[in-house]
C-alpha atoms as a PDB file:
ATOM      1  CA  UNK A   1     200.945 104.261 143.911  1.00  0.00           C
ATOM      2  CA  UNK A   2     199.039 102.263 141.159  1.00  0.00           C
ATOM      3  CA  UNK A   3     198.893  98.478 140.707  1.00  0.00           C
ATOM      4  CA  UNK A   4     200.996  96.509 138.585  1.00  0.00           C
ATOM      5  CA  UNK A   5     200.336  92.731 139.607  1.00  0.00           C
ATOM      6  CA  UNK A   6     200.449  89.397 137.844  1.00  0.00           C
ATOM      7  CA  UNK A   7     198.216  86.550 138.643  1.00  0.00           C
ATOM      8  CA  UNK A   8     198.935  82.650 137.333  1.00  0.00           C
ATOM      9  CA  UNK A   9     195.819  80.919 136.170  1.00  0.00           C
ATOM     10  CA  UNK A  10     197.634  78.293 134.328  1.00  0.00           C
ATOM     11  CA  UNK A  11     201.356  77.041 134.251  1.00  0.00           C
ATOM     12  CA  UNK A  12     200.860  73.621 132.507  1.00  0.00           C
ATOM     13  CA  UNK A  13     202.051  73.046 128.860  1.00  0.00           C
ATOM     14  CA  UNK A  14     199.684  71.021 126.093  1.00  0.00           C
ATOM     15  CA  UNK A  15     198.204  68.817 128.373  1.00  0.00           C
ATOM     16  CA  UNK A  16     196.548  70.358 131.905  1.00  0.00           C
ATOM     17  CA  UNK A  17     197.421  67.512 135.000  1.00  0.00           C
ATOM     18  CA  UNK A  18     195.570  66.898 138.302  1.00  0.00           C
ATOM     19  CA  UNK A  19     197.420  70.392 139.462  1.00  0.00           C
ATOM     20  CA  UNK A  20     198.039  72.500 137.051  1.00  0.00           C
ATOM     21  CA  UNK A  21     195.922  73.957 134.028  1.00  0.00           C
ATOM     22  CA  UNK A  22     197.142  75.419 130.798  1.00  0.00           C
ATOM     23  CA  UNK A  23     198.218  78.551 130.339  1.00  0.00           C
ATOM     24  CA  UNK A  24     196.665  81.055 131.545  1.00  0.00           C
ATOM     25  CA  UNK A  25     197.407  84.753 133.428  1.00  0.00           C
ATOM     26  CA  UNK A  26     195.626  87.749 134.550  1.00  0.00           C
ATOM     27  CA  UNK A  27     197.886  91.114 134.520  1.00  0.00           C
ATOM     28  CA  UNK A  28     196.829  94.224 136.455  1.00  0.00           C
ATOM     29  CA  UNK A  29     197.985  97.562 135.447  1.00  0.00           C
ATOM     30  CA  UNK A  30     196.172 100.728 137.266  1.00  0.00           C
ATOM     31  CA  UNK A  31     192.738  98.202 137.223  1.00  0.00           C
ATOM     32  CA  UNK A  32     193.245  97.752 133.524  1.00  0.00           C
ATOM     33  CA  UNK A  33     192.526  93.986 133.793  1.00  0.00           C
ATOM     34  CA  UNK A  34     194.529  91.761 131.276  1.00  0.00           C
ATOM     35  CA  UNK A  35     194.232  88.533 130.383  1.00  0.00           C
ATOM     36  CA  UNK A  36     196.921  87.098 128.707  1.00  0.00           C
ATOM     37  CA  UNK A  37     196.292  83.577 126.971  1.00  0.00           C
ATOM     38  CA  UNK A  38     193.299  81.618 127.404  1.00  0.00           C
ATOM     39  CA  UNK A  39     193.837  77.845 128.220  1.00  0.00           C
ATOM     40  CA  UNK A  40     191.070  74.899 128.823  1.00  0.00           C
ATOM     41  CA  UNK A  41     189.648  76.050 132.434  1.00  0.00           C
ATOM     42  CA  UNK A  42     190.454  80.034 132.453  1.00  0.00           C
ATOM     43  CA  UNK A  43     186.933  80.737 133.555  1.00  0.00           C
ATOM     44  CA  UNK A  44     187.207  78.169 136.727  1.00  0.00           C
ATOM     45  CA  UNK A  45     190.283  79.395 137.688  1.00  0.00           C
ATOM     46  CA  UNK A  46     189.034  83.128 137.649  1.00  0.00           C
ATOM     47  CA  UNK A  47     186.250  82.345 139.896  1.00  0.00           C
ATOM     48  CA  UNK A  48     188.231  79.734 142.013  1.00  0.00           C
ATOM     49  CA  UNK A  49     190.307  82.826 142.524  1.00  0.00           C
ATOM     50  CA  UNK A  50     187.999  85.041 142.812  1.00  0.00           C
ATOM     51  CA  UNK A  51     188.361  87.611 140.157  1.00  0.00           C
ATOM     52  CA  UNK A  52     185.475  89.210 138.369  1.00  0.00           C
ATOM     53  CA  UNK A  53     186.117  88.403 134.625  1.00  0.00           C
ATOM     54  CA  UNK A  54     183.380  90.556 133.741  1.00  0.00           C
ATOM     55  CA  UNK A  55     186.257  93.428 134.435  1.00  0.00           C
ATOM     56  CA  UNK A  56     188.279  91.756 131.392  1.00  0.00           C
ATOM     57  CA  UNK A  57     188.041  93.935 128.561  1.00  0.00           C
ATOM     58  CA  UNK A  58     191.279  92.910 126.360  1.00  0.00           C
ATOM     59  CA  UNK A  59     192.329  89.509 126.008  1.00  0.00           C
ATOM     60  CA  UNK A  60     195.738  88.746 124.467  1.00  0.00           C
ATOM     61  CA  UNK A  61     196.551  85.094 122.363  1.00  0.00           C
ATOM     62  CA  UNK A  62     199.697  84.322 121.495  1.00  0.00           C
ATOM     63  CA  UNK A  63     199.251  81.251 119.484  1.00  0.00           C
ATOM     64  CA  UNK A  64     196.690  79.041 118.034  1.00  0.00           C
ATOM     65  CA  UNK A  65     197.867  75.986 119.953  1.00  0.00           C
ATOM     66  CA  UNK A  66     194.959  74.520 122.021  1.00  0.00           C
ATOM     67  CA  UNK A  67     196.124  74.742 125.370  1.00  0.00           C
ATOM     68  CA  UNK A  68     196.464  78.826 125.048  1.00  0.00           C
ATOM     69  CA  UNK A  69     193.140  79.575 123.580  1.00  0.00           C
ATOM     70  CA  UNK A  70     190.684  76.549 124.187  1.00  0.00           C
ATOM     71  CA  UNK A  71     189.149  78.300 127.461  1.00  0.00           C
ATOM     72  CA  UNK A  72     188.217  81.221 125.397  1.00  0.00           C
ATOM     73  CA  UNK A  73     184.881  80.121 123.413  1.00  0.00           C
ATOM     74  CA  UNK A  74     183.198  79.014 126.902  1.00  0.00           C
ATOM     75  CA  UNK A  75     185.007  82.336 128.804  1.00  0.00           C
ATOM     76  CA  UNK A  76     183.423  84.677 126.110  1.00  0.00           C
ATOM     77  CA  UNK A  77     179.757  82.824 126.511  1.00  0.00           C
ATOM     78  CA  UNK A  78     179.734  82.571 130.192  1.00  0.00           C
ATOM     79  CA  UNK A  79     180.466  86.828 129.943  1.00  0.00           C
ATOM     80  CA  UNK A  80     177.199  86.693 127.468  1.00  0.00           C
ATOM     81  CA  UNK A  81     174.936  84.450 129.682  1.00  0.00           C
ATOM     82  CA  UNK A  82     175.921  87.337 132.938  1.00  0.00           C
ATOM     83  CA  UNK A  83     174.463  89.570 130.978  1.00  0.00           C
ATOM     84  CA  UNK A  84     177.783  91.645 129.575  1.00  0.00           C
ATOM     85  CA  UNK A  85     177.093  94.104 126.648  1.00  0.00           C
ATOM     86  CA  UNK A  86     180.595  95.879 126.830  1.00  0.00           C
ATOM     87  CA  UNK A  87     182.771  95.353 124.098  1.00  0.00           C
ATOM     88  CA  UNK A  88     185.703  92.887 124.401  1.00  0.00           C
ATOM     89  CA  UNK A  89     189.208  93.493 122.363  1.00  0.00           C
ATOM     90  CA  UNK A  90     190.963  90.126 121.205  1.00  0.00           C
ATOM     91  CA  UNK A  91     194.458  90.810 120.332  1.00  0.00           C
ATOM     92  CA  UNK A  92     195.003  87.184 118.639  1.00  0.00           C
ATOM     93  CA  UNK A  93     196.145  85.626 115.423  1.00  0.00           C
ATOM     94  CA  UNK A  94     193.868  86.605 112.511  1.00  0.00           C
ATOM     95  CA  UNK A  95     192.527  82.766 111.919  1.00  0.00           C
ATOM     96  CA  UNK A  96     190.818  82.868 115.404  1.00  0.00           C
ATOM     97  CA  UNK A  97     187.966  84.714 114.543  1.00  0.00           C
ATOM     98  CA  UNK A  98     186.690  81.868 112.120  1.00  0.00           C
ATOM     99  CA  UNK A  99     187.167  79.624 114.833  1.00  0.00           C
ATOM    100  CA  UNK A 100     184.992  81.660 117.482  1.00  0.00           C
ATOM    101  CA  UNK A 101     182.346  82.602 114.579  1.00  0.00           C
ATOM    102  CA  UNK A 102     181.728  79.050 113.632  1.00  0.00           C
ATOM    103  CA  UNK A 103     181.623  77.808 116.742  1.00  0.00           C
ATOM    104  CA  UNK A 104     178.578  79.958 117.564  1.00  0.00           C
ATOM    105  CA  UNK A 105     177.224  79.664 113.981  1.00  0.00           C
ATOM    106  CA  UNK A 106     176.647  76.370 114.616  1.00  0.00           C
ATOM    107  CA  UNK A 107     175.257  76.820 118.081  1.00  0.00           C
ATOM    108  CA  UNK A 108     173.185  79.713 117.157  1.00  0.00           C
ATOM    109  CA  UNK A 109     174.608  81.827 120.070  1.00  0.00           C
ATOM    110  CA  UNK A 110     174.406  85.367 119.303  1.00  0.00           C
ATOM    111  CA  UNK A 111     176.684  87.146 122.028  1.00  0.00           C
ATOM    112  CA  UNK A 112     175.009  90.401 123.313  1.00  0.00           C
ATOM    113  CA  UNK A 113     178.578  92.341 123.075  1.00  0.00           C
ATOM    114  CA  UNK A 114     180.522  92.928 120.314  1.00  0.00           C
ATOM    115  CA  UNK A 115     184.101  91.001 119.979  1.00  0.00           C
ATOM    116  CA  UNK A 116     186.620  93.596 118.480  1.00  0.00           C
ATOM    117  CA  UNK A 117     189.283  91.796 116.749  1.00  0.00           C
ATOM    118  CA  UNK A 118     192.859  92.889 116.438  1.00  0.00           C
ATOM    119  CA  UNK A 119     195.139  90.371 114.425  1.00  0.00           C
ATOM    120  CA  UNK A 120     198.862  90.101 114.887  1.00  0.00           C
ATOM    121  CA  UNK A 121     200.989  91.548 112.214  1.00  0.00           C
ATOM    122  CA  UNK A 122     204.049  89.766 113.665  1.00  0.00           C
ATOM    123  CA  UNK A 123     206.119  92.056 113.606  1.00  0.00           C
ATOM    124  CA  UNK A 124     208.823  93.389 116.781  1.00  0.00           C
ATOM    125  CA  UNK A 125     207.687  96.276 118.867  1.00  0.00           C
ATOM    126  CA  UNK A 126     204.379  96.811 117.372  1.00  0.00           C
ATOM    127  CA  UNK A 127     202.156  98.938 119.257  1.00  0.00           C
ATOM    128  CA  UNK A 128     199.193  96.908 119.848  1.00  0.00           C
ATOM    129  CA  UNK A 129     197.164  98.628 122.685  1.00  0.00           C
ATOM    130  CA  UNK A 130     197.500 101.728 124.253  1.00  0.00           C
ATOM    131  CA  UNK A 131     195.771 104.087 126.576  1.00  0.00           C
ATOM    132  CA  UNK A 132     196.756 107.053 129.020  1.00  0.00           C
ATOM    133  CA  UNK A 133     198.082 104.198 131.317  1.00  0.00           C
ATOM    134  CA  UNK A 134     199.145 101.476 129.458  1.00  0.00           C
ATOM    135  CA  UNK A 135     200.932 100.569 126.037  1.00  0.00           C
ATOM    136  CA  UNK A 136     201.456  97.085 124.794  1.00  0.00           C
ATOM    137  CA  UNK A 137     203.583  96.064 122.110  1.00  0.00           C
ATOM    138  CA  UNK A 138     204.516  92.475 120.587  1.00  0.00           C
ATOM    139  CA  UNK A 139     207.369  90.094 119.780  1.00  0.00           C
ATOM    140  CA  UNK A 140     207.961  87.296 117.517  1.00  0.00           C
ATOM    141  CA  UNK A 141     208.605  84.595 118.995  1.00  0.00           C
ATOM    142  CA  UNK A 142     209.943  81.587 117.490  1.00  0.00           C
ATOM    143  CA  UNK A 143     207.647  78.593 117.683  1.00  0.00           C
ATOM    144  CA  UNK A 144     206.254  75.885 115.138  1.00  0.00           C
ATOM    145  CA  UNK A 145     203.175  77.968 114.490  1.00  0.00           C
ATOM    146  CA  UNK A 146     202.953  81.765 114.006  1.00  0.00           C
ATOM    147  CA  UNK A 147     203.491  83.054 118.242  1.00  0.00           C
ATOM    148  CA  UNK A 148     203.623  86.283 119.455  1.00  0.00           C
ATOM    149  CA  UNK A 149     204.907  87.689 122.819  1.00  0.00           C
ATOM    150  CA  UNK A 150     203.736  90.914 124.654  1.00  0.00           C
ATOM    151  CA  UNK A 151     205.372  93.699 126.478  1.00  0.00           C
ATOM    152  CA  UNK A 152     203.183  96.010 128.635  1.00  0.00           C
ATOM    153  CA  UNK A 153     204.462  99.045 129.621  1.00  0.00           C
ATOM    154  CA  UNK A 154     203.600 101.650 132.542  1.00  0.00           C
ATOM    155  CA  UNK A 155     203.472 105.018 131.003  1.00  0.00           C
ATOM    156  CA  UNK A 156     205.632 107.350 133.038  1.00  0.00           C
ATOM    157  CA  UNK A 157     204.012 108.574 136.189  1.00  0.00           C
ATOM    158  CA  UNK A 158     203.935 112.680 137.184  1.00  0.00           C
ATOM    159  CA  UNK A 159     206.219 113.495 139.959  1.00  0.00           C
ATOM    160  CA  UNK A 160     205.302 113.925 143.274  1.00  0.00           C
ATOM    161  CA  UNK A 161     205.765 117.518 145.003  1.00  0.00           C
ATOM    162  CA  UNK A 162     204.937 117.463 148.887  1.00  0.00           C
ATOM    163  CA  UNK A 163     202.535 119.840 150.869  1.00  0.00           C
ATOM    164  CA  UNK A 164     205.694 121.037 152.528  1.00  0.00           C
ATOM    165  CA  UNK A 165     207.558 122.291 149.324  1.00  0.00           C
ATOM    166  CA  UNK A 166     204.589 123.738 148.481  1.00  0.00           C
ATOM    167  CA  UNK A 167     204.103 126.173 151.533  1.00  0.00           C
ATOM    168  CA  UNK A 168     207.610 126.482 151.764  1.00  0.00           C
ATOM    169  CA  UNK A 169     207.705 128.299 148.215  1.00  0.00           C
ATOM    170  CA  UNK A 170     204.466 129.478 148.054  1.00  0.00           C
ATOM    171  CA  UNK A 171     203.769 127.501 144.867  1.00  0.00           C
ATOM    172  CA  UNK A 172     200.438 128.717 143.401  1.00  0.00           C
ATOM    173  CA  UNK A 173     197.756 126.090 142.233  1.00  0.00           C
ATOM    174  CA  UNK A 174     198.431 126.448 138.975  1.00  0.00           C
ATOM    175  CA  UNK A 175     201.950 125.846 138.681  1.00  0.00           C
ATOM    176  CA  UNK A 176     201.845 122.339 140.319  1.00  0.00           C
ATOM    177  CA  UNK A 177     201.336 120.548 137.209  1.00  0.00           C
ATOM    178  CA  UNK A 178     204.050 122.342 135.377  1.00  0.00           C
ATOM    179  CA  UNK A 179     206.441 121.229 138.186  1.00  0.00           C
ATOM    180  CA  UNK A 180     205.109 117.821 138.089  1.00  0.00           C
ATOM    181  CA  UNK A 181     205.456 117.459 134.371  1.00  0.00           C
ATOM    182  CA  UNK A 182     209.150 118.372 134.998  1.00  0.00           C
ATOM    183  CA  UNK A 183     209.157 122.376 135.187  1.00  0.00           C
ATOM    184  CA  UNK A 184     211.233 124.745 137.509  1.00  0.00           C
ATOM    185  CA  UNK A 185     209.825 127.584 139.541  1.00  0.00           C
ATOM    186  CA  UNK A 186     210.287 130.955 139.788  1.00  0.00           C
ATOM    187  CA  UNK A 187     209.614 132.183 143.390  1.00  0.00           C
ATOM    188  CA  UNK A 188     208.049 135.763 144.290  1.00  0.00           C
ATOM    189  CA  UNK A 189     211.542 136.926 145.030  1.00  0.00           C
ATOM    190  CA  UNK A 190     212.889 136.207 141.767  1.00  0.00           C
ATOM    191  CA  UNK A 191     214.845 132.864 142.594  1.00  0.00           C
ATOM    192  CA  UNK A 192     214.206 130.224 140.369  1.00  0.00           C
ATOM    193  CA  UNK A 193     213.955 126.768 141.933  1.00  0.00           C
ATOM    194  CA  UNK A 194     215.125 124.043 139.960  1.00  0.00           C
ATOM    195  CA  UNK A 195     212.750 121.222 139.447  1.00  0.00           C
ATOM    196  CA  UNK A 196     215.194 118.219 141.078  1.00  0.00           C
ATOM    197  CA  UNK A 197     214.750 120.529 144.195  1.00  0.00           C
ATOM    198  CA  UNK A 198     210.690 120.168 144.305  1.00  0.00           C
ATOM    199  CA  UNK A 199     210.022 116.913 143.592  1.00  0.00           C
ATOM    200  CA  UNK A 200     210.144 113.755 145.206  1.00  0.00           C
ATOM    201  CA  UNK A 201     211.930 110.818 142.943  1.00  0.00           C
ATOM    202  CA  UNK A 202     210.402 110.486 140.269  1.00  0.00           C
ATOM    203  CA  UNK A 203     209.376 106.273 139.340  1.00  0.00           C
ATOM    204  CA  UNK A 204     210.867 104.459 136.826  1.00  0.00           C
ATOM    205  CA  UNK A 205     207.601 103.038 135.099  1.00  0.00           C
ATOM    206  CA  UNK A 206     207.379  98.955 135.143  1.00  0.00           C
ATOM    207  CA  UNK A 207     208.001  96.235 132.347  1.00  0.00           C
ATOM    208  CA  UNK A 208     206.611  93.474 131.881  1.00  0.00           C
ATOM    209  CA  UNK A 209     207.644  90.945 129.379  1.00  0.00           C
ATOM    210  CA  UNK A 210     205.505  87.603 128.496  1.00  0.00           C
ATOM    211  CA  UNK A 211     207.468  85.015 126.311  1.00  0.00           C
ATOM    212  CA  UNK A 212     204.881  82.015 125.585  1.00  0.00           C
ATOM    213  CA  UNK A 213     205.998  79.177 123.097  1.00  0.00           C
ATOM    214  CA  UNK A 214     209.293  79.706 122.188  1.00  0.00           C
ATOM    215  CA  UNK A 215     212.977  78.211 121.469  1.00  0.00           C
ATOM    216  CA  UNK A 216     215.809  79.811 122.696  1.00  0.00           C
ATOM    217  CA  UNK A 217     216.389  82.417 120.624  1.00  0.00           C
ATOM    218  CA  UNK A 218     218.367  85.539 121.428  1.00  0.00           C
ATOM    219  CA  UNK A 219     216.723  87.715 119.024  1.00  0.00           C
ATOM    220  CA  UNK A 220     214.124  88.960 121.860  1.00  0.00           C
ATOM    221  CA  UNK A 221     216.365  90.245 123.967  1.00  0.00           C
ATOM    222  CA  UNK A 222     216.379  93.914 122.456  1.00  0.00           C
ATOM    223  CA  UNK A 223     212.581  94.164 123.401  1.00  0.00           C
ATOM    224  CA  UNK A 224     212.597  92.194 126.885  1.00  0.00           C
ATOM    225  CA  UNK A 225     216.087  93.585 128.002  1.00  0.00           C
ATOM    226  CA  UNK A 226     215.767  95.617 131.989  1.00  0.00           C
ATOM    227  CA  UNK A 227     211.960  94.215 131.883  1.00  0.00           C
ATOM    228  CA  UNK A 228     211.039  94.006 135.802  1.00  0.00           C
ATOM    229  CA  UNK A 229     209.318  90.607 135.309  1.00  0.00           C
ATOM    230  CA  UNK A 230     210.124  88.213 132.525  1.00  0.00           C
ATOM    231  CA  UNK A 231     207.976  85.477 132.154  1.00  0.00           C
ATOM    232  CA  UNK A 232     209.466  82.917 129.666  1.00  0.00           C
ATOM    233  CA  UNK A 233     208.352  79.169 129.258  1.00  0.00           C
ATOM    234  CA  UNK A 234     210.690  76.577 130.491  1.00  0.00           C
ATOM    235  CA  UNK A 235     208.872  73.430 129.522  1.00  0.00           C
ATOM    236  CA  UNK A 236     211.900  70.958 129.739  1.00  0.00           C
ATOM    237  CA  UNK A 237     215.301  70.233 131.746  1.00  0.00           C
ATOM    238  CA  UNK A 238     218.288  70.360 129.924  1.00  0.00           C
ATOM    239  CA  UNK A 239     218.691  67.089 129.649  1.00  0.00           C
ATOM    240  CA  UNK A 240     215.916  67.199 127.132  1.00  0.00           C
ATOM    241  CA  UNK A 241     217.503  70.119 125.272  1.00  0.00           C
ATOM    242  CA  UNK A 242     217.018  67.970 121.745  1.00  0.00           C
ATOM    243  CA  UNK A 243     213.229  67.444 122.579  1.00  0.00           C
ATOM    244  CA  UNK A 244     212.884  70.933 123.005  1.00  0.00           C
ATOM    245  CA  UNK A 245     214.431  72.096 120.374  1.00  0.00           C
ATOM    246  CA  UNK A 246     212.235  69.255 118.002  1.00  0.00           C
ATOM    247  CA  UNK A 247     208.864  71.120 119.777  1.00  0.00           C
ATOM    248  CA  UNK A 248     210.196  74.660 119.592  1.00  0.00           C
ATOM    249  CA  UNK A 249     210.252  75.129 123.391  1.00  0.00           C
ATOM    250  CA  UNK A 250     212.880  76.149 125.662  1.00  0.00           C
ATOM    251  CA  UNK A 251     214.669  74.354 128.792  1.00  0.00           C
ATOM    252  CA  UNK A 252     214.932  76.136 132.497  1.00  0.00           C
ATOM    253  CA  UNK A 253     218.458  76.753 131.596  1.00  0.00           C
ATOM    254  CA  UNK A 254     218.266  78.289 128.250  1.00  0.00           C
ATOM    255  CA  UNK A 255     214.984  80.597 129.971  1.00  0.00           C
ATOM    256  CA  UNK A 256     217.567  81.705 132.631  1.00  0.00           C
ATOM    257  CA  UNK A 257     220.383  82.319 130.004  1.00  0.00           C
ATOM    258  CA  UNK A 258     218.041  84.655 128.409  1.00  0.00           C
ATOM    259  CA  UNK A 259     216.750  86.552 131.347  1.00  0.00           C
ATOM    260  CA  UNK A 260     220.653  86.844 132.288  1.00  0.00           C
ATOM    261  CA  UNK A 261     221.365  88.234 128.913  1.00  0.00           C
ATOM    262  CA  UNK A 262     218.422  90.280 129.200  1.00  0.00           C
ATOM    263  CA  UNK A 263     219.452  92.109 132.834  1.00  0.00           C
ATOM    264  CA  UNK A 264     215.658  91.574 133.805  1.00  0.00           C
ATOM    265  CA  UNK A 265     214.922  91.776 137.640  1.00  0.00           C
ATOM    266  CA  UNK A 266     213.207  88.956 138.019  1.00  0.00           C
ATOM    267  CA  UNK A 267     212.289  85.660 136.031  1.00  0.00           C
ATOM    268  CA  UNK A 268     209.920  83.614 136.089  1.00  0.00           C
ATOM    269  CA  UNK A 269     209.016  80.286 134.280  1.00  0.00           C
ATOM    270  CA  UNK A 270     206.285  78.293 133.559  1.00  0.00           C
ATOM    271  CA  UNK A 271     204.927  75.990 130.892  1.00  0.00           C
ATOM    272  CA  UNK A 272     205.845  72.659 132.449  1.00  0.00           C
ATOM    273  CA  UNK A 273     205.632  69.682 130.955  1.00  0.00           C
ATOM    274  CA  UNK A 274     203.056  66.983 132.525  1.00  0.00           C
ATOM    275  CA  UNK A 275     205.971  64.378 133.153  1.00  0.00           C
ATOM    276  CA  UNK A 276     207.007  66.633 136.328  1.00  0.00           C
ATOM    277  CA  UNK A 277     205.266  66.346 138.837  1.00  0.00           C
ATOM    278  CA  UNK A 278     207.907  67.692 141.384  1.00  0.00           C
ATOM    279  CA  UNK A 279     208.625  71.194 139.441  1.00  0.00           C
ATOM    280  CA  UNK A 280     211.733  72.209 142.019  1.00  0.00           C
ATOM    281  CA  UNK A 281     214.840  70.772 139.367  1.00  0.00           C
ATOM    282  CA  UNK A 282     213.592  72.857 136.991  1.00  0.00           C
ATOM    283  CA  UNK A 283     213.737  75.739 139.347  1.00  0.00           C
ATOM    284  CA  UNK A 284     217.184  74.940 141.215  1.00  0.00           C
ATOM    285  CA  UNK A 285     218.521  74.170 136.912  1.00  0.00           C
ATOM    286  CA  UNK A 286     217.595  77.955 136.221  1.00  0.00           C
ATOM    287  CA  UNK A 287     218.930  79.349 139.391  1.00  0.00           C
ATOM    288  CA  UNK A 288     222.409  78.126 138.315  1.00  0.00           C
ATOM    289  CA  UNK A 289     222.577  80.856 135.475  1.00  0.00           C
ATOM    290  CA  UNK A 290     219.699  83.243 137.057  1.00  0.00           C
ATOM    291  CA  UNK A 291     219.452  83.147 140.492  1.00  0.00           C
ATOM    292  CA  UNK A 292     216.486  85.324 141.016  1.00  0.00           C
ATOM    293  CA  UNK A 293     213.924  82.829 139.575  1.00  0.00           C
ATOM    294  CA  UNK A 294     210.624  82.252 140.786  1.00  0.00           C
ATOM    295  CA  UNK A 295     208.344  79.085 139.736  1.00  0.00           C
ATOM    296  CA  UNK A 296     204.742  80.631 137.868  1.00  0.00           C
ATOM    297  CA  UNK A 297     202.294  78.942 140.798  1.00  0.00           C
ATOM    298  CA  UNK A 298     198.615  79.018 139.798  1.00  0.00           C
ATOM    299  CA  UNK A 299     196.675  81.414 142.253  1.00  0.00           C
ATOM    300  CA  UNK A 300     199.744  83.247 143.241  1.00  0.00           C
ATOM    301  CA  UNK A 301     200.278  87.038 142.575  1.00  0.00           C
ATOM    302  CA  UNK A 302     203.689  88.733 142.129  1.00  0.00           C
ATOM    303  CA  UNK A 303     203.735  92.440 142.799  1.00  0.00           C
ATOM    304  CA  UNK A 304     205.760  94.601 140.502  1.00  0.00           C
ATOM    305  CA  UNK A 305     207.472  97.179 142.305  1.00  0.00           C
ATOM    306  CA  UNK A 306     209.155 100.586 141.872  1.00  0.00           C
ATOM    307  CA  UNK A 307     212.866 100.253 141.690  1.00  0.00           C
END
């Protein structure tokens, strides 16, 4: 079975604390490493948690508030200094290209690799990345400046067929792939064996939805529905709902309500305000609505299992 694992690198909101860094996550799907947002200090976190950042080829930046991208210039520079030559694909607001190029221009930095920019179109369900194992689609979030969330889909896997079944029905090698793709099989005696008798249970592809900065907005539900894991910001407790509304952020209670309405399997809340030294109240508040809620904790990894 292939990996589907999320590691939290940063879970703080606008300002870091002595114990929490700004937003950054690493998602490993089938040994494809996706960096999701890149707050200040991300490269330090990658080193701390022993993640080889030269394996990262695709970086997704949700929006241009500093706590989501200020770690990027340093990370790219370190990749360059360590001899990287492989392209980096950057899925980001179009304006980020100008920000990076101005910085490299005035520091006379000439990267050894190309940055391939993929500017956000701010279209719901827009396919922004695809290979043979994974596809990524964007969702438009309701924040103070243009902001995208991302939904990562595992592509359907081929079904398994056991050695015992192959031997029992004397299935020739050239027929196995067709059966794995859903085909039936006709035995030597002419008996038609339906596919469901030949394969083990098909694995349901997994789905991770990332909602970085957003106020409460039910319009995202149709895109994140039935996620195996939903990350949704929860900057404030509900007693600061007005402040959340003013800053286009969410409360823990609102994040849990979105998770409940979206029928997700697991909710992870993060992007915590620096005012909260103890995060347990945010977790408890969310769990009053959606019991299967966990905190984003730096250095912890969550393996998304098959249903």
